[in-house]
């Protein structure tokens, strides 16, 4: 199993993520593409010392870039996780 700091790449801060954090006590993280839900739950509980009730994950395919040429490139595939914390707990993301 990987270390917690390797699994959680960064916090996604957007309008939707902040709205979900306020209303539903859920937080959005960009995680390692090979991480599973159990590892993500352990990493969040270890890093932030909070109790996680559920984890939802989504896979995103990397976009193609410079498509009009024969040698096009592509952005990396990535994974997003939405973490639900126990009632009354919060993560300060400042």
N, C-alpha and C. Protein backbone atom coordinates (compact mmCIF):
# COMPACT_ATOMS: atom_id res chain seq x y z
N UNK A 1 0.84 -1.18 0.00
CA UNK A 1 0.00 0.00 0.00
C UNK A 1 0.88 1.25 0.00
N UNK A 2 0.49 2.24 -0.78
CA UNK A 2 1.26 3.47 -0.88
C UNK A 2 1.04 4.35 0.36
N UNK A 3 1.92 5.32 0.51
CA UNK A 3 1.78 6.26 1.62
C UNK A 3 0.61 7.20 1.35
N UNK A 4 0.07 7.79 2.41
CA UNK A 4 -1.09 8.67 2.30
C UNK A 4 -0.77 9.91 1.46
N UNK A 5 0.44 10.42 1.57
CA UNK A 5 0.79 11.61 0.81
C UNK A 5 0.94 11.33 -0.68
N UNK A 6 1.20 10.08 -1.05
CA UNK A 6 1.29 9.72 -2.46
C UNK A 6 -0.10 9.49 -3.07
N UNK A 7 -1.06 9.07 -2.26
CA UNK A 7 -2.40 8.78 -2.77
C UNK A 7 -3.20 10.06 -3.04
N UNK A 8 -3.12 11.03 -2.14
CA UNK A 8 -3.87 12.27 -2.29
C UNK A 8 -2.96 13.28 -3.00
N UNK A 9 -3.30 13.61 -4.25
CA UNK A 9 -2.45 14.51 -5.02
C UNK A 9 -2.73 15.97 -4.71
N UNK A 10 -4.01 16.37 -4.75
CA UNK A 10 -4.34 17.75 -4.41
C UNK A 10 -5.83 17.88 -4.15
N UNK A 11 -6.21 19.01 -3.56
CA UNK A 11 -7.60 19.31 -3.28
C UNK A 11 -8.17 20.07 -4.48
N UNK A 12 -9.33 19.65 -4.94
CA UNK A 12 -10.00 20.36 -6.04
C UNK A 12 -10.86 21.46 -5.45
N UNK A 13 -10.53 22.70 -5.78
CA UNK A 13 -11.29 23.84 -5.28
C UNK A 13 -11.97 24.48 -6.48
N UNK A 14 -13.28 24.33 -6.52
CA UNK A 14 -14.09 24.93 -7.58
C UNK A 14 -15.40 25.39 -6.96
N UNK A 15 -16.25 26.00 -7.77
CA UNK A 15 -17.55 26.44 -7.24
C UNK A 15 -18.38 25.26 -6.77
N UNK A 16 -18.42 24.21 -7.58
CA UNK A 16 -19.21 23.04 -7.22
C UNK A 16 -18.64 22.36 -5.99
N UNK A 17 -17.32 22.25 -5.90
CA UNK A 17 -16.70 21.61 -4.75
C UNK A 17 -16.97 22.38 -3.46
N UNK A 18 -16.92 23.71 -3.51
CA UNK A 18 -17.18 24.49 -2.31
C UNK A 18 -18.65 24.45 -1.93
N UNK A 19 -19.54 24.38 -2.91
CA UNK A 19 -20.98 24.27 -2.63
C UNK A 19 -21.29 22.93 -1.97
N UNK A 20 -20.71 21.86 -2.48
CA UNK A 20 -20.92 20.52 -1.91
C UNK A 20 -20.33 20.45 -0.50
N UNK A 21 -19.21 21.12 -0.28
CA UNK A 21 -18.58 21.10 1.05
C UNK A 21 -19.47 21.79 2.08
N UNK A 22 -20.10 22.90 1.70
CA UNK A 22 -20.95 23.62 2.63
C UNK A 22 -22.24 22.89 2.93
N UNK A 23 -22.89 22.36 1.89
CA UNK A 23 -24.22 21.79 2.07
C UNK A 23 -24.21 20.32 2.51
N UNK A 24 -23.33 19.51 1.93
CA UNK A 24 -23.37 18.07 2.16
C UNK A 24 -22.20 17.52 2.95
N UNK A 25 -21.28 18.38 3.38
CA UNK A 25 -20.09 17.97 4.13
C UNK A 25 -19.25 16.97 3.33
N UNK A 26 -19.10 17.25 2.03
CA UNK A 26 -18.29 16.41 1.15
C UNK A 26 -17.14 17.24 0.60
N UNK A 27 -16.00 16.59 0.40
CA UNK A 27 -14.81 17.26 -0.10
C UNK A 27 -14.28 16.52 -1.32
N UNK A 28 -13.72 17.28 -2.26
CA UNK A 28 -13.29 16.72 -3.54
C UNK A 28 -11.76 16.75 -3.59
N UNK A 29 -11.17 15.60 -3.93
CA UNK A 29 -9.72 15.47 -4.02
C UNK A 29 -9.35 14.83 -5.34
N UNK A 30 -8.20 15.23 -5.88
CA UNK A 30 -7.61 14.53 -7.02
C UNK A 30 -6.66 13.50 -6.43
N UNK A 31 -6.87 12.23 -6.79
CA UNK A 31 -6.11 11.14 -6.17
C UNK A 31 -5.32 10.38 -7.23
N UNK A 32 -4.46 9.49 -6.75
CA UNK A 32 -3.65 8.66 -7.63
C UNK A 32 -4.58 7.74 -8.44
N UNK A 33 -4.35 7.58 -9.75
CA UNK A 33 -5.27 6.79 -10.57
C UNK A 33 -5.41 5.33 -10.16
N UNK A 34 -4.44 4.77 -9.49
CA UNK A 34 -4.52 3.37 -9.09
C UNK A 34 -5.00 3.17 -7.66
N UNK A 35 -5.38 4.26 -6.98
CA UNK A 35 -5.84 4.15 -5.59
C UNK A 35 -7.27 3.62 -5.56
N UNK A 36 -7.55 2.76 -4.60
CA UNK A 36 -8.92 2.29 -4.44
C UNK A 36 -9.59 3.02 -3.28
N UNK A 37 -10.87 2.75 -3.05
CA UNK A 37 -11.64 3.48 -2.05
C UNK A 37 -11.12 3.25 -0.64
N UNK A 38 -10.69 2.04 -0.34
CA UNK A 38 -10.20 1.74 1.01
C UNK A 38 -8.91 2.51 1.29
N UNK A 39 -8.02 2.55 0.32
CA UNK A 39 -6.77 3.30 0.49
C UNK A 39 -7.03 4.80 0.62
N UNK A 40 -7.98 5.32 -0.16
CA UNK A 40 -8.31 6.74 -0.10
C UNK A 40 -8.89 7.08 1.27
N UNK A 41 -9.78 6.24 1.78
CA UNK A 41 -10.38 6.46 3.10
C UNK A 41 -9.30 6.47 4.17
N UNK A 42 -8.38 5.51 4.12
CA UNK A 42 -7.30 5.46 5.11
C UNK A 42 -6.42 6.71 5.02
N UNK A 43 -6.11 7.15 3.80
CA UNK A 43 -5.24 8.31 3.62
C UNK A 43 -5.87 9.59 4.18
N UNK A 44 -7.16 9.79 3.93
CA UNK A 44 -7.83 10.99 4.44
C UNK A 44 -7.91 10.95 5.96
N UNK A 45 -8.24 9.79 6.53
CA UNK A 45 -8.30 9.68 7.98
C UNK A 45 -6.93 9.86 8.62
N UNK A 46 -5.89 9.42 7.94
CA UNK A 46 -4.53 9.55 8.47
C UNK A 46 -4.03 11.00 8.36
N UNK A 47 -4.27 11.65 7.22
CA UNK A 47 -3.76 13.00 7.01
C UNK A 47 -4.51 14.07 7.80
N UNK A 48 -5.84 13.99 7.80
CA UNK A 48 -6.66 15.05 8.39
C UNK A 48 -7.23 14.70 9.77
N UNK A 49 -7.05 13.45 10.21
CA UNK A 49 -7.56 13.00 11.51
C UNK A 49 -9.07 13.20 11.62
N UNK A 50 -9.81 12.84 10.57
CA UNK A 50 -11.26 12.93 10.53
C UNK A 50 -11.84 11.56 10.21
N UNK A 51 -13.13 11.35 10.54
CA UNK A 51 -13.79 10.08 10.27
C UNK A 51 -14.54 10.17 8.93
N UNK A 52 -14.19 9.29 7.99
CA UNK A 52 -14.78 9.27 6.66
C UNK A 52 -15.92 8.25 6.65
N UNK A 53 -17.11 8.68 6.17
CA UNK A 53 -18.24 7.75 6.11
C UNK A 53 -18.37 7.10 4.75
N UNK A 54 -18.04 7.82 3.65
CA UNK A 54 -18.13 7.19 2.33
C UNK A 54 -17.14 7.85 1.37
N UNK A 55 -16.79 7.08 0.34
CA UNK A 55 -15.88 7.55 -0.70
C UNK A 55 -16.49 7.20 -2.05
N UNK A 56 -16.57 8.18 -2.94
CA UNK A 56 -17.01 7.93 -4.31
C UNK A 56 -15.88 8.34 -5.24
N UNK A 57 -15.63 7.56 -6.27
CA UNK A 57 -14.52 7.85 -7.18
C UNK A 57 -15.02 7.92 -8.61
N UNK A 58 -14.32 8.71 -9.42
CA UNK A 58 -14.61 8.85 -10.84
C UNK A 58 -13.31 8.86 -11.63
N UNK A 59 -13.28 8.17 -12.76
CA UNK A 59 -12.12 8.16 -13.64
C UNK A 59 -12.35 9.18 -14.76
N UNK A 60 -11.32 9.95 -15.10
CA UNK A 60 -11.39 10.90 -16.18
C UNK A 60 -10.32 10.58 -17.22
N UNK A 61 -10.71 10.56 -18.47
CA UNK A 61 -9.75 10.29 -19.55
C UNK A 61 -9.05 11.59 -19.91
N UNK A 62 -7.76 11.50 -20.24
CA UNK A 62 -7.01 12.67 -20.65
C UNK A 62 -7.45 13.15 -22.02
N UNK A 63 -7.44 14.46 -22.21
CA UNK A 63 -7.87 15.02 -23.48
C UNK A 63 -6.75 14.96 -24.51
N UNK A 64 -7.14 14.83 -25.77
CA UNK A 64 -6.15 14.90 -26.85
C UNK A 64 -5.81 16.36 -27.11
N UNK A 65 -4.56 16.62 -27.39
CA UNK A 65 -4.09 17.97 -27.68
C UNK A 65 -3.40 17.99 -29.04
N UNK A 66 -3.49 19.09 -29.74
CA UNK A 66 -2.89 19.27 -31.06
C UNK A 66 -3.40 18.18 -32.01
N UNK A 67 -4.70 18.10 -32.12
CA UNK A 67 -5.32 17.00 -32.86
C UNK A 67 -5.16 17.12 -34.37
N UNK A 68 -4.91 18.31 -34.88
CA UNK A 68 -4.86 18.51 -36.33
C UNK A 68 -3.55 18.03 -36.95
N UNK A 69 -2.61 17.68 -36.12
CA UNK A 69 -1.33 17.18 -36.63
C UNK A 69 -1.27 15.67 -36.48
N UNK A 70 -0.32 15.08 -37.16
CA UNK A 70 -0.19 13.63 -37.10
C UNK A 70 0.39 13.18 -35.76
N UNK A 71 1.20 14.01 -35.13
CA UNK A 71 1.84 13.62 -33.87
C UNK A 71 1.15 14.31 -32.69
N UNK A 72 -0.11 13.98 -32.46
CA UNK A 72 -0.83 14.62 -31.37
C UNK A 72 -0.41 14.02 -30.02
N UNK A 73 -0.59 14.82 -28.99
CA UNK A 73 -0.28 14.37 -27.64
C UNK A 73 -1.56 14.21 -26.84
N UNK A 74 -1.40 13.88 -25.58
CA UNK A 74 -2.58 13.68 -24.75
C UNK A 74 -2.23 14.02 -23.31
N UNK A 75 -3.18 14.60 -22.61
CA UNK A 75 -3.01 14.85 -21.19
C UNK A 75 -3.17 13.54 -20.43
N UNK A 76 -2.69 13.52 -19.23
CA UNK A 76 -2.73 12.29 -18.44
C UNK A 76 -4.15 11.98 -17.97
N UNK A 77 -4.47 10.68 -17.84
CA UNK A 77 -5.72 10.26 -17.23
C UNK A 77 -5.63 10.57 -15.74
N UNK A 78 -6.77 10.87 -15.11
CA UNK A 78 -6.74 11.17 -13.69
C UNK A 78 -8.00 10.68 -13.00
N UNK A 79 -7.97 10.69 -11.67
CA UNK A 79 -9.06 10.16 -10.87
C UNK A 79 -9.46 11.19 -9.82
N UNK A 80 -10.77 11.30 -9.61
CA UNK A 80 -11.30 12.23 -8.62
C UNK A 80 -12.05 11.44 -7.56
N UNK A 81 -11.93 11.87 -6.31
CA UNK A 81 -12.63 11.22 -5.20
C UNK A 81 -13.43 12.25 -4.44
N UNK A 82 -14.68 11.89 -4.12
CA UNK A 82 -15.54 12.73 -3.29
C UNK A 82 -15.68 12.03 -1.95
N UNK A 83 -15.24 12.72 -0.89
CA UNK A 83 -15.19 12.17 0.44
C UNK A 83 -16.32 12.75 1.27
N UNK A 84 -17.09 11.91 1.94
CA UNK A 84 -18.12 12.37 2.86
C UNK A 84 -17.62 12.14 4.28
N UNK A 85 -17.64 13.22 5.07
CA UNK A 85 -17.19 13.12 6.46
C UNK A 85 -18.37 12.88 7.39
N UNK A 86 -18.07 12.45 8.60
CA UNK A 86 -19.10 12.22 9.61
C UNK A 86 -19.73 13.57 9.97
N UNK A 87 -20.99 13.56 10.41
CA UNK A 87 -21.65 14.81 10.80
C UNK A 87 -20.90 15.54 11.90
N UNK A 88 -20.77 16.84 11.74
CA UNK A 88 -20.08 17.66 12.73
C UNK A 88 -18.60 17.82 12.50
N UNK A 89 -18.01 17.14 11.52
CA UNK A 89 -16.59 17.27 11.24
C UNK A 89 -16.37 18.09 9.98
N UNK A 90 -15.30 18.86 9.97
CA UNK A 90 -14.96 19.70 8.81
C UNK A 90 -13.47 19.64 8.58
N UNK A 91 -13.08 19.93 7.34
CA UNK A 91 -11.68 20.06 6.97
C UNK A 91 -11.46 21.51 6.57
N UNK A 92 -10.50 22.16 7.21
CA UNK A 92 -10.17 23.54 6.87
C UNK A 92 -9.19 23.53 5.70
N UNK A 93 -9.62 24.05 4.55
CA UNK A 93 -8.80 24.04 3.34
C UNK A 93 -8.27 25.42 3.00
N UNK A 94 -7.68 26.10 3.97
CA UNK A 94 -7.15 27.43 3.71
C UNK A 94 -5.66 27.44 3.70
